[in-house]
C-alpha atoms as a PDB file:
ATOM      1  CA  MET A   1      20.187  25.361  -3.560  1.00  0.00           C
ATOM      2  CA  LYS A   2      17.057  26.376  -1.666  1.00  0.00           C
ATOM      3  CA  HIS A   3      17.020  29.774  -3.478  1.00  0.00           C
ATOM      4  CA  ALA A   4      17.231  28.038  -6.902  1.00  0.00           C
ATOM      5  CA  LEU A   5      14.384  25.688  -5.958  1.00  0.00           C
ATOM      6  CA  ASP A   6      12.298  28.645  -4.714  1.00  0.00           C
ATOM      7  CA  THR A   7      12.813  30.519  -8.048  1.00  0.00           C
ATOM      8  CA  ILE A   8      12.036  27.408 -10.107  1.00  0.00           C
ATOM      9  CA  SER A   9       8.917  26.730  -7.957  1.00  0.00           C
ATOM     10  CA  ARG A  10       7.637  30.328  -8.515  1.00  0.00           C
ATOM     11  CA  TRP A  11       8.173  29.993 -12.287  1.00  0.00           C
ATOM     12  CA  LEU A  12       6.319  26.669 -12.378  1.00  0.00           C
ATOM     13  CA  MET A  13       3.476  27.905 -10.365  1.00  0.00           C
ATOM     14  CA  THR A  14       3.140  30.932 -12.677  1.00  0.00           C
ATOM     15  CA  ALA A  15       3.237  28.698 -15.773  1.00  0.00           C
ATOM     16  CA  LEU A  16       0.622  26.343 -14.213  1.00  0.00           C
ATOM     17  CA  ALA A  17      -1.679  29.284 -13.358  1.00  0.00           C
ATOM     18  CA  LEU A  18      -1.465  30.381 -17.021  1.00  0.00           C
ATOM     19  CA  LEU A  19      -2.199  26.852 -18.113  1.00  0.00           C
ATOM     20  CA  LEU A  20      -5.172  26.815 -15.810  1.00  0.00           C
ATOM     21  CA  ILE A  21      -6.508  29.996 -17.369  1.00  0.00           C
ATOM     22  CA  LEU A  22      -6.010  28.462 -20.874  1.00  0.00           C
ATOM     23  CA  MET A  23      -7.953  25.366 -19.752  1.00  0.00           C
ATOM     24  CA  VAL A  24     -10.892  27.548 -18.668  1.00  0.00           C
ATOM     25  CA  LEU A  25     -10.821  29.290 -21.972  1.00  0.00           C
ATOM     26  CA  MET A  26     -10.757  25.900 -23.672  1.00  0.00           C
ATOM     27  CA  ILE A  27     -13.820  24.762 -21.661  1.00  0.00           C
ATOM     28  CA  CYS A  28     -15.661  27.981 -22.609  1.00  0.00           C
ATOM     29  CA  LEU A  29     -14.731  27.365 -26.297  1.00  0.00           C
ATOM     30  CA  GLY A  30     -15.992  23.798 -26.116  1.00  0.00           C
ATOM     31  CA  VAL A  31     -19.274  24.782 -24.417  1.00  0.00           C
ATOM     32  CA  ALA A  32     -19.795  27.557 -27.016  1.00  0.00           C
ATOM     33  CA  LEU A  33     -19.009  25.386 -29.983  1.00  0.00           C
ATOM     34  CA  ARG A  34     -21.214  22.531 -28.663  1.00  0.00           C
ATOM     35  CA  TYR A  35     -24.316  24.387 -27.509  1.00  0.00           C
ATOM     36  CA  ILE A  36     -24.352  27.306 -29.881  1.00  0.00           C
ATOM     37  CA  TRP A  37     -23.079  25.840 -33.193  1.00  0.00           C
ATOM     38  CA  GLY A  38     -23.511  22.146 -32.493  1.00  0.00           C
ATOM     39  CA  VAL A  39     -19.840  21.407 -33.165  1.00  0.00           C
ATOM     40  CA  THR A  40     -17.819  19.086 -30.997  1.00  0.00           C
ATOM     41  CA  LEU A  41     -14.023  19.144 -30.772  1.00  0.00           C
ATOM     42  CA  LEU A  42     -13.175  15.594 -29.936  1.00  0.00           C
ATOM     43  CA  TRP A  43      -9.566  16.415 -28.887  1.00  0.00           C
ATOM     44  CA  LEU A  44     -10.607  19.070 -26.400  1.00  0.00           C
ATOM     45  CA  ASP A  45     -11.701  16.884 -23.550  1.00  0.00           C
ATOM     46  CA  GLU A  46      -8.617  14.698 -23.825  1.00  0.00           C
ATOM     47  CA  SER A  47      -6.320  17.740 -23.889  1.00  0.00           C
ATOM     48  CA  LEU A  48      -8.014  19.038 -20.761  1.00  0.00           C
ATOM     49  CA  VAL A  49      -7.431  15.808 -18.919  1.00  0.00           C
ATOM     50  CA  PHE A  50      -3.796  15.791 -19.965  1.00  0.00           C
ATOM     51  CA  SER A  51      -3.423  19.349 -18.825  1.00  0.00           C
ATOM     52  CA  MET A  52      -4.936  18.340 -15.435  1.00  0.00           C
ATOM     53  CA  VAL A  53      -2.410  15.614 -15.007  1.00  0.00           C
ATOM     54  CA  GLY A  54       0.358  18.051 -15.768  1.00  0.00           C
ATOM     55  CA  ILE A  55      -1.071  20.651 -13.306  1.00  0.00           C
ATOM     56  CA  VAL A  56      -1.248  17.971 -10.520  1.00  0.00           C
ATOM     57  CA  PHE A  57       2.217  16.454 -10.956  1.00  0.00           C
ATOM     58  CA  ILE A  58       4.162  19.642 -11.851  1.00  0.00           C
ATOM     59  CA  GLY A  59       2.322  21.579  -9.243  1.00  0.00           C
ATOM     60  CA  ALA A  60       3.236  19.068  -6.678  1.00  0.00           C
ATOM     61  CA  ILE A  61       6.821  20.456  -7.046  1.00  0.00           C
ATOM     62  CA  GLY A  62       5.773  23.861  -6.032  1.00  0.00           C
ATOM     63  CA  VAL A  63       3.580  22.554  -3.337  1.00  0.00           C
ATOM     64  CA  SER A  64       6.304  20.461  -1.787  1.00  0.00           C
ATOM     65  CA  GLN A  65       8.853  23.363  -2.020  1.00  0.00           C
ATOM     66  CA  ASN A  66       6.421  25.674  -0.209  1.00  0.00           C
ATOM     67  CA  ASN A  67       5.722  22.891   2.350  1.00  0.00           C
ATOM     68  CA  GLN A  68       2.016  23.083   1.623  1.00  0.00           C
ATOM     69  CA  HIS A  69       1.504  19.404   0.904  1.00  0.00           C
ATOM     70  CA  LEU A  70      -0.938  17.286   2.835  1.00  0.00           C
ATOM     71  CA  ARG A  71       0.408  15.578   5.848  1.00  0.00           C
ATOM     72  CA  MET A  72      -0.878  13.663   8.764  1.00  0.00           C
ATOM     73  CA  SER A  73       0.696  15.664  11.627  1.00  0.00           C
ATOM     74  CA  LEU A  74      -1.757  14.639  14.423  1.00  0.00           C
ATOM     75  CA  LEU A  75       0.557  11.977  15.738  1.00  0.00           C
ATOM     76  CA  SER A  76       3.889  13.620  14.926  1.00  0.00           C
ATOM     77  CA  ASP A  77       2.846  16.839  16.663  1.00  0.00           C
ATOM     78  CA  SER A  78       2.439  14.951  19.879  1.00  0.00           C
ATOM     79  CA  PHE A  79       6.118  13.720  19.692  1.00  0.00           C
ATOM     80  CA  SER A  80       8.886  15.395  21.782  1.00  0.00           C
ATOM     81  CA  LYS A  81      11.129  17.833  19.964  1.00  0.00           C
ATOM     82  CA  PRO A  82      14.171  15.465  19.966  1.00  0.00           C
ATOM     83  CA  LEU A  83      12.073  12.659  18.507  1.00  0.00           C
ATOM     84  CA  ARG A  84      10.642  14.983  15.800  1.00  0.00           C
ATOM     85  CA  ARG A  85      14.231  16.097  14.991  1.00  0.00           C
ATOM     86  CA  PHE A  86      15.060  12.378  14.455  1.00  0.00           C
ATOM     87  CA  LEU A  87      12.009  11.562  12.446  1.00  0.00           C
ATOM     88  CA  GLY A  88      12.321  14.614  10.065  1.00  0.00           C
ATOM     89  CA  PRO A  89      15.226  13.125   8.190  1.00  0.00           C
ATOM     90  CA  VAL A  90      13.526   9.680   8.183  1.00  0.00           C
ATOM     91  CA  GLU A  91      10.442  11.369   6.671  1.00  0.00           C
ATOM     92  CA  HIS A  92      12.522  13.136   3.933  1.00  0.00           C
ATOM     93  CA  LEU A  93      14.369   9.881   3.121  1.00  0.00           C
ATOM     94  CA  ALA A  94      11.199   7.947   2.856  1.00  0.00           C
ATOM     95  CA  THR A  95       9.638  10.615   0.608  1.00  0.00           C
ATOM     96  CA  ALA A  96      12.670  10.758  -1.669  1.00  0.00           C
ATOM     97  CA  GLY A  97      12.896   6.918  -1.778  1.00  0.00           C
ATOM     98  CA  ILE A  98       9.122   6.469  -2.641  1.00  0.00           C
ATOM     99  CA  CYS A  99       9.182   9.180  -5.302  1.00  0.00           C
ATOM    100  CA  LEU A 100      12.298   7.851  -6.937  1.00  0.00           C
ATOM    101  CA  TYR A 101      10.983   4.271  -6.823  1.00  0.00           C
ATOM    102  CA  VAL A 102       7.779   5.363  -8.556  1.00  0.00           C
ATOM    103  CA  ALA A 103       9.754   7.608 -10.960  1.00  0.00           C
ATOM    104  CA  TRP A 104      11.849   4.658 -11.986  1.00  0.00           C
ATOM    105  CA  TYR A 105       8.746   2.745 -13.074  1.00  0.00           C
ATOM    106  CA  SER A 106       7.371   5.837 -14.654  1.00  0.00           C
ATOM    107  CA  PHE A 107      10.594   6.252 -16.699  1.00  0.00           C
ATOM    108  CA  SER A 108      10.289   2.597 -17.805  1.00  0.00           C
ATOM    109  CA  ALA A 109       6.653   3.220 -18.974  1.00  0.00           C
ATOM    110  CA  ILE A 110       7.699   6.431 -20.713  1.00  0.00           C
ATOM    111  CA  SER A 111      10.591   4.656 -22.524  1.00  0.00           C
ATOM    112  CA  ARG A 112       8.184   1.981 -23.873  1.00  0.00           C
ATOM    113  CA  LEU A 113       5.670   4.598 -25.040  1.00  0.00           C
ATOM    114  CA  PHE A 114       8.463   6.662 -26.735  1.00  0.00           C
ATOM    115  CA  ALA A 115       9.880   3.530 -28.443  1.00  0.00           C
ATOM    116  CA  ARG A 116       6.415   2.604 -29.809  1.00  0.00           C
ATOM    117  CA  GLY A 117       5.479   6.125 -30.790  1.00  0.00           C
ATOM    118  CA  THR A 118       2.120   5.714 -28.913  1.00  0.00           C
ATOM    119  CA  LEU A 119      -0.302   8.601 -29.423  1.00  0.00           C
ATOM    120  CA  SER A 120      -3.437   9.464 -27.570  1.00  0.00           C
ATOM    121  CA  ASN A 121      -6.789   8.612 -29.264  1.00  0.00           C
ATOM    122  CA  MET A 122      -8.276  11.975 -30.058  1.00  0.00           C
ATOM    123  CA  ALA A 123      -5.713  14.702 -29.549  1.00  0.00           C
ATOM    124  CA  GLU A 124      -2.905  12.492 -31.049  1.00  0.00           C
ATOM    125  CA  VAL A 125      -0.472  13.761 -28.445  1.00  0.00           C
ATOM    126  CA  PRO A 126       2.534  11.556 -27.796  1.00  0.00           C
ATOM    127  CA  LEU A 127       1.671   9.753 -24.613  1.00  0.00           C
ATOM    128  CA  TRP A 128       5.253   9.881 -23.431  1.00  0.00           C
ATOM    129  CA  LEU A 129       4.864  13.677 -23.067  1.00  0.00           C
ATOM    130  CA  VAL A 130       1.885  13.273 -20.873  1.00  0.00           C
ATOM    131  CA  GLN A 131       3.573  10.589 -18.753  1.00  0.00           C
ATOM    132  CA  GLY A 132       6.654  12.770 -18.668  1.00  0.00           C
ATOM    133  CA  THR A 133       4.855  15.240 -16.457  1.00  0.00           C
ATOM    134  CA  VAL A 134       4.378  12.435 -13.874  1.00  0.00           C
ATOM    135  CA  LEU A 135       8.133  11.694 -14.027  1.00  0.00           C
ATOM    136  CA  VAL A 136       9.102  15.316 -13.767  1.00  0.00           C
ATOM    137  CA  GLY A 137       6.850  15.830 -10.783  1.00  0.00           C
ATOM    138  CA  LEU A 138       8.085  12.821  -8.994  1.00  0.00           C
ATOM    139  CA  VAL A 139      11.736  13.669  -9.604  1.00  0.00           C
ATOM    140  CA  GLY A 140      11.109  17.198  -8.520  1.00  0.00           C
ATOM    141  CA  MET A 141       9.500  16.108  -5.189  1.00  0.00           C
ATOM    142  CA  ALA A 142      12.378  13.672  -4.634  1.00  0.00           C
ATOM    143  CA  LEU A 143      14.924  16.516  -5.207  1.00  0.00           C
ATOM    144  CA  ILE A 144      13.112  18.728  -2.722  1.00  0.00           C
ATOM    145  CA  ALA A 145      12.981  15.880  -0.158  1.00  0.00           C
ATOM    146  CA  ILE A 146      16.724  15.199  -0.683  1.00  0.00           C
ATOM    147  CA  VAL A 147      17.585  18.917  -0.187  1.00  0.00           C
ATOM    148  CA  ARG A 148      15.463  18.931   3.062  1.00  0.00           C
ATOM    149  CA  LEU A 149      17.109  15.804   4.175  1.00  0.00           C
ATOM    150  CA  PHE A 150      20.583  17.325   3.989  1.00  0.00           C
ATOM    151  CA  GLU A 151      19.291  20.531   5.554  1.00  0.00           C
ATOM    152  CA  SER A 152      17.799  18.602   8.481  1.00  0.00           C
ATOM    153  CA  LEU A 153      20.998  16.550   8.916  1.00  0.00           C
ATOM    154  CA  ARG A 154      23.018  19.800   9.085  1.00  0.00           C
ATOM    155  CA  GLY A 155      20.538  20.994  11.786  1.00  0.00           C
ATOM    156  CA  GLY A 156      18.635  23.496   9.578  1.00  0.00           C
ATOM    157  CA  GLU A 157      15.139  22.155  10.563  1.00  0.00           C
END
């Protein structure tokens, strides 16, 4: 399972890097159009914001898989090894629980947006797609936490 998550994580991070390059090109296009030709693309800024949301939440999957997420380890580093071994599964369980709890509410919001057919103001993108990146990111982080929970219970960490 870890190998599959590593592979998915690499593909996601590559796709997000390409999206970031596309965003830079979109910004350059927007600047050129605005200041050289006096043309403004109203949908451009909104699309960039939506792309950033996607990068943050989908990128959180790769960051979590690579164990590069922010954590407050000052206190936990001072604990004894047996206590850290006990708290590891607790941390993974709490992470999975919180992510799944928020994902449940995210799914509820996405369902309402989908049912109503709500579109964004300028880009006219279905908002359930944008909110879907939040859901995918949360479920991905929860899945990684659950895999780590089982690994730590087996003595892998």
